[in-house]
């Protein structure tokens, strides 16, 4: 299976698209389009031509936090990745070791009682693992009540070893990102939306494509662990629920921009297929066995073969379509990860619709 093949290191996108040459913008990435096992190759700026009037894009408005902070455990340097704020004021955190090249490597979690010294004489004390499944993330209590202020003053975006250098936080914000009322956000960028520009959004709107904003604050992933996603905070507003239901009833396709948007909207969808306003924590893991109830398609980055996200992609596209798409992405030298190219997964078209453009009756 293609999805069991290791992605060559040279296919990692090391810098954002707009930094690869003069005249380039965020939308200067490639777009792989899958309709079943049928695959076609495009530039991302061609996205409006692949969509139809009445389609609805579900977009995540979560802003990215400067979630990596330097610290010390005794005499040892560490980097703390702040993942998720709990309802009790604690934070789920991951401790990583600096690798000497500006990024980090995995470090054993815990033990309970470990004290981390942070800038400004702030202390973080680890209390217990986030779940029994993995010791990587721990609940910790911070002596500074304003942790988000600490991140603004001393944090930087989380960066992984396949990138070339640190980037300003603005590079990790999508065009849809909005500040939340409480200052919360995502530990890692909801990266599927990164190639969108204001210009492209305007073109989509002018062609009759709609947008439904949702919020899901993503926690820390791990380049090494490939674990199932942890519970994350989300909100599907009433207005967006109505938009999605109306688009579905009118024959439009519901296309999620990123796996975070799938998780949020499917968490708010009942067994009857109706989306209702919802907020709180979701522990939903979308698998082929569970399936999807409202999402018809997905725009997503290219994920490592072992990533749990692939189960969600298989639930939407099917294994044959997923294998075909990834085989073409590898053959076509598409770029992986958050600064890389993107994959649009659409439902298979009927023979009649293949010959229709615009409104067909």
Protein backbone atom coordinates (compact mmCIF):
# COMPACT_ATOMS: atom_id res chain seq x y z
CA UNK A 1 0.00 0.00 0.00
CA UNK A 2 1.26 3.50 -0.80
CA UNK A 3 0.17 4.69 2.64
CA UNK A 4 2.80 2.36 4.17
CA UNK A 5 5.68 3.97 2.24
CA UNK A 6 8.03 6.40 3.98
CA UNK A 7 7.99 9.89 2.48
CA UNK A 8 11.42 10.86 1.11
CA UNK A 9 13.12 13.56 3.20
CA UNK A 10 13.60 15.79 0.17
CA UNK A 11 9.81 16.13 -0.18
CA UNK A 12 9.52 18.02 3.14
CA UNK A 13 8.57 21.66 2.59
CA UNK A 14 11.29 23.51 4.46
CA UNK A 15 10.12 27.11 4.04
CA UNK A 16 6.76 28.76 3.24
CA UNK A 17 5.80 29.04 -0.42
CA UNK A 18 6.17 32.83 -0.48
CA UNK A 19 9.85 32.50 0.55
CA UNK A 20 10.82 30.17 -2.30
CA UNK A 21 11.26 32.85 -4.93
CA UNK A 22 10.33 36.38 -6.04
CA UNK A 23 6.71 37.08 -6.89
CA UNK A 24 5.35 34.08 -4.97
CA UNK A 25 2.52 34.17 -2.45
CA UNK A 26 0.96 31.70 -0.03
CA UNK A 27 -1.19 30.32 -2.85
CA UNK A 28 1.92 29.38 -4.88
CA UNK A 29 1.57 25.71 -3.99
CA UNK A 30 0.32 22.73 -5.95
CA UNK A 31 -3.12 21.18 -5.68
CA UNK A 32 -3.74 17.46 -6.10
CA UNK A 33 -7.42 16.71 -6.76
CA UNK A 34 -8.90 13.26 -6.12
CA UNK A 35 -12.35 12.19 -7.25
CA UNK A 36 -12.43 8.57 -6.26
CA UNK A 37 -9.36 6.99 -7.82
CA UNK A 38 -9.29 9.62 -10.56
CA UNK A 39 -6.49 12.11 -9.85
CA UNK A 40 -5.64 15.41 -11.53
CA UNK A 41 -2.84 17.93 -10.98
CA UNK A 42 -3.33 21.69 -10.58
CA UNK A 43 -2.02 24.87 -9.03
CA UNK A 44 -3.80 26.02 -5.87
CA UNK A 45 -5.00 29.21 -7.58
CA UNK A 46 -7.15 26.92 -9.76
CA UNK A 47 -9.21 25.84 -6.73
CA UNK A 48 -12.25 27.99 -7.66
CA UNK A 49 -12.59 26.04 -10.92
CA UNK A 50 -12.72 22.75 -9.02
CA UNK A 51 -15.63 23.91 -6.87
CA UNK A 52 -19.23 24.78 -7.75
CA UNK A 53 -21.72 27.47 -6.82
CA UNK A 54 -23.53 26.23 -3.72
CA UNK A 55 -20.54 24.37 -2.30
CA UNK A 56 -19.73 25.31 1.28
CA UNK A 57 -16.26 25.42 2.83
CA UNK A 58 -15.99 24.81 6.59
CA UNK A 59 -13.03 26.86 7.86
CA UNK A 60 -11.26 26.88 11.22
CA UNK A 61 -10.83 30.37 12.69
CA UNK A 62 -8.45 29.34 15.48
CA UNK A 63 -5.36 31.54 15.69
CA UNK A 64 -1.94 29.96 16.21
CA UNK A 65 -0.15 30.57 19.50
CA UNK A 66 3.56 31.11 20.10
CA UNK A 67 3.43 27.85 22.04
CA UNK A 68 7.13 26.92 22.39
CA UNK A 69 8.98 28.35 25.41
CA UNK A 70 12.56 27.70 26.55
CA UNK A 71 13.05 26.38 30.07
CA UNK A 72 15.29 24.38 32.36
CA UNK A 73 14.92 21.22 34.38
CA UNK A 74 17.76 21.52 36.85
CA UNK A 75 20.80 22.28 34.71
CA UNK A 76 19.31 20.77 31.55
CA UNK A 77 17.81 22.96 28.84
CA UNK A 78 14.35 21.97 27.62
CA UNK A 79 11.69 23.40 25.32
CA UNK A 80 8.11 23.36 26.61
CA UNK A 81 5.34 22.98 24.04
CA UNK A 82 2.12 24.34 25.55
CA UNK A 83 -0.68 22.25 24.04
CA UNK A 84 -4.08 22.81 25.62
CA UNK A 85 -5.51 24.73 28.55
CA UNK A 86 -7.74 22.61 30.78
CA UNK A 87 -10.93 23.72 32.50
CA UNK A 88 -9.13 23.61 35.86
CA UNK A 89 -6.43 26.09 34.77
CA UNK A 90 -3.73 23.49 34.18
CA UNK A 91 -2.03 23.12 30.81
CA UNK A 92 -1.26 19.99 28.84
CA UNK A 93 2.41 20.33 27.92
CA UNK A 94 5.14 18.38 26.17
CA UNK A 95 8.79 18.69 27.21
CA UNK A 96 11.32 18.38 24.37
CA UNK A 97 15.12 18.43 24.24
CA UNK A 98 16.88 21.05 22.09
CA UNK A 99 18.73 19.32 19.26
CA UNK A 100 21.40 21.96 18.74
CA UNK A 101 20.02 22.89 15.32
CA UNK A 102 17.22 25.19 16.41
CA UNK A 103 14.59 22.46 16.68
CA UNK A 104 13.87 19.71 19.21
CA UNK A 105 13.77 15.97 19.70
CA UNK A 106 11.50 13.73 21.76
CA UNK A 107 12.05 13.48 25.50
CA UNK A 108 10.55 11.07 28.03
CA UNK A 109 7.62 12.61 29.87
CA UNK A 110 7.43 13.20 33.62
CA UNK A 111 7.94 12.14 36.28
CA UNK A 112 5.27 13.75 38.46
CA UNK A 113 6.70 16.62 40.47
CA UNK A 114 9.21 17.65 37.79
CA UNK A 115 9.71 21.42 38.02
CA UNK A 116 10.54 23.46 34.94
CA UNK A 117 11.98 26.96 35.31
CA UNK A 118 10.54 29.32 32.68
CA UNK A 119 11.45 32.93 31.78
CA UNK A 120 10.47 35.62 34.26
CA UNK A 121 10.93 33.32 37.25
CA UNK A 122 7.82 31.35 36.30
CA UNK A 123 7.57 27.72 37.43
CA UNK A 124 5.81 24.81 35.71
CA UNK A 125 5.22 21.64 37.76
CA UNK A 126 4.22 18.40 36.03
CA UNK A 127 1.38 16.60 37.83
CA UNK A 128 0.10 13.62 35.81
CA UNK A 129 0.05 12.22 32.25
CA UNK A 130 -2.70 13.54 30.01
CA UNK A 131 -3.89 9.99 29.34
CA UNK A 132 -2.82 6.48 30.23
CA UNK A 133 -2.12 5.80 26.54
CA UNK A 134 1.03 7.86 26.36
CA UNK A 135 3.41 9.61 28.76
CA UNK A 136 4.33 12.24 26.15
CA UNK A 137 1.88 14.95 27.24
CA UNK A 138 1.45 15.87 30.90
CA UNK A 139 -0.89 18.10 32.84
CA UNK A 140 1.15 20.82 34.48
CA UNK A 141 0.40 23.75 36.73
CA UNK A 142 2.03 27.13 36.01
CA UNK A 143 2.82 29.64 38.76
CA UNK A 144 1.92 32.52 36.42
CA UNK A 145 -1.88 32.84 35.99
CA UNK A 146 -1.53 34.64 32.64
CA UNK A 147 0.05 31.81 30.64
CA UNK A 148 -1.13 33.33 27.35
CA UNK A 149 0.73 36.51 28.29
CA UNK A 150 3.81 34.40 29.00
CA UNK A 151 3.54 32.89 25.51
CA UNK A 152 3.19 36.32 23.93
CA UNK A 153 6.26 37.61 25.76
CA UNK A 154 8.57 34.61 25.56
CA UNK A 155 7.08 32.08 23.15
CA UNK A 156 7.68 31.28 19.52
CA UNK A 157 5.82 29.03 17.07
CA UNK A 158 6.43 25.31 17.39
CA UNK A 159 8.93 24.26 14.74
CA UNK A 160 9.87 20.78 13.56
CA UNK A 161 13.20 19.52 12.30
CA UNK A 162 12.23 19.35 8.61
CA UNK A 163 12.03 23.18 8.45
CA UNK A 164 15.04 25.38 7.72
CA UNK A 165 14.67 28.14 10.29
CA UNK A 166 12.43 29.89 12.78
CA UNK A 167 9.60 31.92 11.29
CA UNK A 168 7.60 34.83 12.74
CA UNK A 169 4.21 33.98 14.20
CA UNK A 170 2.47 35.73 11.28
CA UNK A 171 3.71 32.99 8.96
CA UNK A 172 1.68 30.49 11.01
CA UNK A 173 -1.62 32.43 10.91
CA UNK A 174 -4.17 31.60 8.24
CA UNK A 175 -6.32 34.19 6.48
CA UNK A 176 -9.28 32.91 8.52
CA UNK A 177 -7.61 33.24 11.96
CA UNK A 178 -9.46 35.40 14.49
CA UNK A 179 -8.46 36.28 18.05
CA UNK A 180 -10.69 34.47 20.52
CA UNK A 181 -12.35 36.32 23.37
CA UNK A 182 -10.22 34.54 25.98
CA UNK A 183 -7.00 34.64 23.95
CA UNK A 184 -6.95 30.86 23.42
CA UNK A 185 -5.73 29.36 20.17
CA UNK A 186 -3.98 26.45 18.54
CA UNK A 187 -0.61 25.06 19.54
CA UNK A 188 -0.05 24.23 15.88
CA UNK A 189 -1.41 25.97 12.80
CA UNK A 190 -4.59 24.60 11.16
CA UNK A 191 -2.36 24.35 8.11
CA UNK A 192 -4.75 23.20 5.36
CA UNK A 193 -6.03 26.79 5.14
CA UNK A 194 -2.59 28.34 4.89
CA UNK A 195 -2.54 28.66 1.05
CA UNK A 196 -5.73 30.77 1.03
CA UNK A 197 -5.25 34.47 0.33
CA UNK A 198 -7.80 37.29 0.57
CA UNK A 199 -7.75 37.47 -3.23
CA UNK A 200 -8.63 33.78 -3.59
CA UNK A 201 -11.38 33.97 -0.95
CA UNK A 202 -12.94 36.89 -2.84
CA UNK A 203 -12.91 34.90 -6.08
CA UNK A 204 -14.56 31.93 -4.41
CA UNK A 205 -17.29 34.12 -2.92
CA UNK A 206 -17.89 35.77 -6.30
CA UNK A 207 -18.38 32.31 -7.83
CA UNK A 208 -21.06 31.39 -5.28
CA UNK A 209 -18.98 29.31 -2.89
CA UNK A 210 -19.98 29.83 0.76
CA UNK A 211 -17.96 29.75 3.98
CA UNK A 212 -18.97 28.48 7.42
CA UNK A 213 -16.58 29.38 10.25
CA UNK A 214 -16.00 27.00 13.14
CA UNK A 215 -13.31 26.94 15.81
CA UNK A 216 -11.16 24.03 16.97
CA UNK A 217 -8.05 24.76 19.00
CA UNK A 218 -5.50 22.14 17.99
CA UNK A 219 -3.12 20.62 20.50
CA UNK A 220 0.46 19.51 20.04
CA UNK A 221 1.08 16.81 17.48
CA UNK A 222 4.27 14.80 17.41
CA UNK A 223 6.49 13.99 14.47
CA UNK A 224 7.48 10.75 16.23
CA UNK A 225 4.38 9.35 17.92
CA UNK A 226 1.51 9.30 15.40
CA UNK A 227 -0.97 9.06 18.24
CA UNK A 228 -4.72 9.46 17.94
CA UNK A 229 -5.83 13.05 18.57
CA UNK A 230 -6.46 14.11 22.15
CA UNK A 231 -9.64 15.93 23.27
CA UNK A 232 -9.70 19.47 21.90
CA UNK A 233 -11.86 22.51 22.53
CA UNK A 234 -14.25 23.44 19.71
CA UNK A 235 -17.27 25.51 18.77
CA UNK A 236 -19.75 25.29 15.90
CA UNK A 237 -21.84 28.50 16.02
CA UNK A 238 -25.57 28.48 15.35
CA UNK A 239 -25.16 30.54 12.16
CA UNK A 240 -22.63 28.08 10.75
CA UNK A 241 -24.81 25.09 11.62
CA UNK A 242 -27.68 26.71 9.70
CA UNK A 243 -25.45 27.48 6.72
CA UNK A 244 -24.20 23.88 6.54
CA UNK A 245 -27.69 22.38 6.81
CA UNK A 246 -29.06 24.75 4.17
CA UNK A 247 -26.21 24.04 1.75
CA UNK A 248 -26.68 20.30 2.23
CA UNK A 249 -30.43 20.57 1.65
CA UNK A 250 -29.79 22.60 -1.51
CA UNK A 251 -27.48 19.99 -3.02
CA UNK A 252 -24.20 21.76 -2.24
CA UNK A 253 -21.15 19.84 -1.14
CA UNK A 254 -19.79 20.33 2.38
CA UNK A 255 -16.01 20.54 2.09
CA UNK A 256 -13.93 20.80 5.23
CA UNK A 257 -10.73 22.85 5.10
CA UNK A 258 -8.49 20.64 7.18
CA UNK A 259 -8.99 17.67 9.45
CA UNK A 260 -9.69 20.05 12.35
CA UNK A 261 -12.79 21.31 10.54
CA UNK A 262 -13.94 17.72 9.98
CA UNK A 263 -13.53 16.90 13.66
CA UNK A 264 -15.47 19.97 14.77
CA UNK A 265 -18.40 19.74 12.38
CA UNK A 266 -18.77 15.97 12.72
CA UNK A 267 -18.78 16.43 16.52
CA UNK A 268 -21.78 18.73 16.10
CA UNK A 269 -23.66 16.42 13.70
CA UNK A 270 -26.34 14.06 14.98
CA UNK A 271 -27.05 10.56 13.73
CA UNK A 272 -29.79 12.20 11.64
CA UNK A 273 -27.15 14.12 9.67
CA UNK A 274 -28.28 17.49 11.04
CA UNK A 275 -25.64 19.90 12.33
CA UNK A 276 -26.52 21.71 15.56
CA UNK A 277 -24.71 24.49 17.40
CA UNK A 278 -22.26 22.94 19.85
CA UNK A 279 -19.24 23.88 21.94
CA UNK A 280 -16.99 22.26 24.51
CA UNK A 281 -14.50 19.39 24.24
CA UNK A 282 -14.49 16.77 21.52
CA UNK A 283 -12.76 13.40 21.73
CA UNK A 284 -14.16 12.27 18.37
CA UNK A 285 -11.82 10.18 16.24
CA UNK A 286 -13.15 9.81 12.70
CA UNK A 287 -12.40 6.33 11.36
CA UNK A 288 -13.63 4.33 8.36
CA UNK A 289 -15.80 2.31 10.77
CA UNK A 290 -17.44 5.43 12.18
CA UNK A 291 -17.62 7.24 8.84
CA UNK A 292 -18.71 10.83 8.26
CA UNK A 293 -22.27 12.14 8.49
CA UNK A 294 -22.17 15.53 6.81
CA UNK A 295 -18.73 16.18 5.25
CA UNK A 296 -18.54 15.36 1.52
CA UNK A 297 -14.99 16.43 0.79
CA UNK A 298 -11.77 17.63 2.38
CA UNK A 299 -8.89 19.95 1.56
CA UNK A 300 -5.86 18.81 3.52
CA UNK A 301 -2.11 18.83 3.58
CA UNK A 302 -0.10 15.72 2.83
CA UNK A 303 0.41 13.74 6.04
CA UNK A 304 3.03 11.20 6.98
CA UNK A 305 1.86 7.66 6.17
CA UNK A 306 1.48 6.55 9.82
CA UNK A 307 -0.45 9.64 10.90
CA UNK A 308 -3.83 9.04 12.52
CA UNK A 309 -5.26 11.65 10.15
CA UNK A 310 -5.10 9.05 7.40
CA UNK A 311 -7.93 7.14 9.07
CA UNK A 312 -10.10 10.23 8.68
CA UNK A 313 -9.08 10.62 5.05
CA UNK A 314 -9.94 6.98 4.43
CA UNK A 315 -13.35 7.52 6.04
CA UNK A 316 -14.05 10.33 3.57
CA UNK A 317 -12.37 9.05 0.41
CA UNK A 318 -12.05 5.26 0.82
CA UNK A 319 -8.80 3.28 0.86
CA UNK A 320 -8.50 2.86 -2.92
CA UNK A 321 -8.87 6.61 -3.53
CA UNK A 322 -6.46 7.45 -0.74
CA UNK A 323 -3.80 5.06 -2.04
CA UNK A 324 -4.22 6.40 -5.56
CA UNK A 325 -3.88 10.01 -4.40
CA UNK A 326 -0.78 9.36 -2.30
CA UNK A 327 0.83 7.34 -5.08
CA UNK A 328 0.36 10.28 -7.45
CA UNK A 329 1.62 12.74 -4.82
CA UNK A 330 4.84 10.76 -4.43
CA UNK A 331 5.29 10.28 -8.17
CA UNK A 332 4.61 13.98 -8.75
CA UNK A 333 7.10 15.10 -6.09
CA UNK A 334 4.49 17.01 -4.09
CA UNK A 335 5.75 18.70 -0.93
CA UNK A 336 4.66 17.51 2.53
CA UNK A 337 3.87 19.17 5.87
CA UNK A 338 2.47 22.55 6.89
CA UNK A 339 4.30 24.62 4.25
CA UNK A 340 3.72 22.07 1.51
CA UNK A 341 1.21 21.30 -1.22
CA UNK A 342 -2.42 20.36 -0.62
CA UNK A 343 -4.83 17.60 -1.55
CA UNK A 344 -8.49 18.20 -2.41
CA UNK A 345 -10.62 15.09 -1.92
CA UNK A 346 -13.99 15.33 -3.66
CA UNK A 347 -16.81 12.82 -4.17
CA UNK A 348 -16.77 10.84 -7.39
CA UNK A 349 -18.73 12.58 -10.12
CA UNK A 350 -21.56 10.90 -11.93
CA UNK A 351 -21.19 10.57 -15.73
CA UNK A 352 -23.84 13.28 -16.17
CA UNK A 353 -22.17 15.79 -13.88
CA UNK A 354 -18.80 15.35 -15.67
CA UNK A 355 -20.34 16.97 -18.74
CA UNK A 356 -22.08 19.72 -16.79
CA UNK A 357 -20.59 23.08 -15.90
CA UNK A 358 -22.44 25.76 -13.99
CA UNK A 359 -26.14 25.06 -13.40
CA UNK A 360 -27.32 21.80 -14.98
CA UNK A 361 -30.95 20.78 -15.08
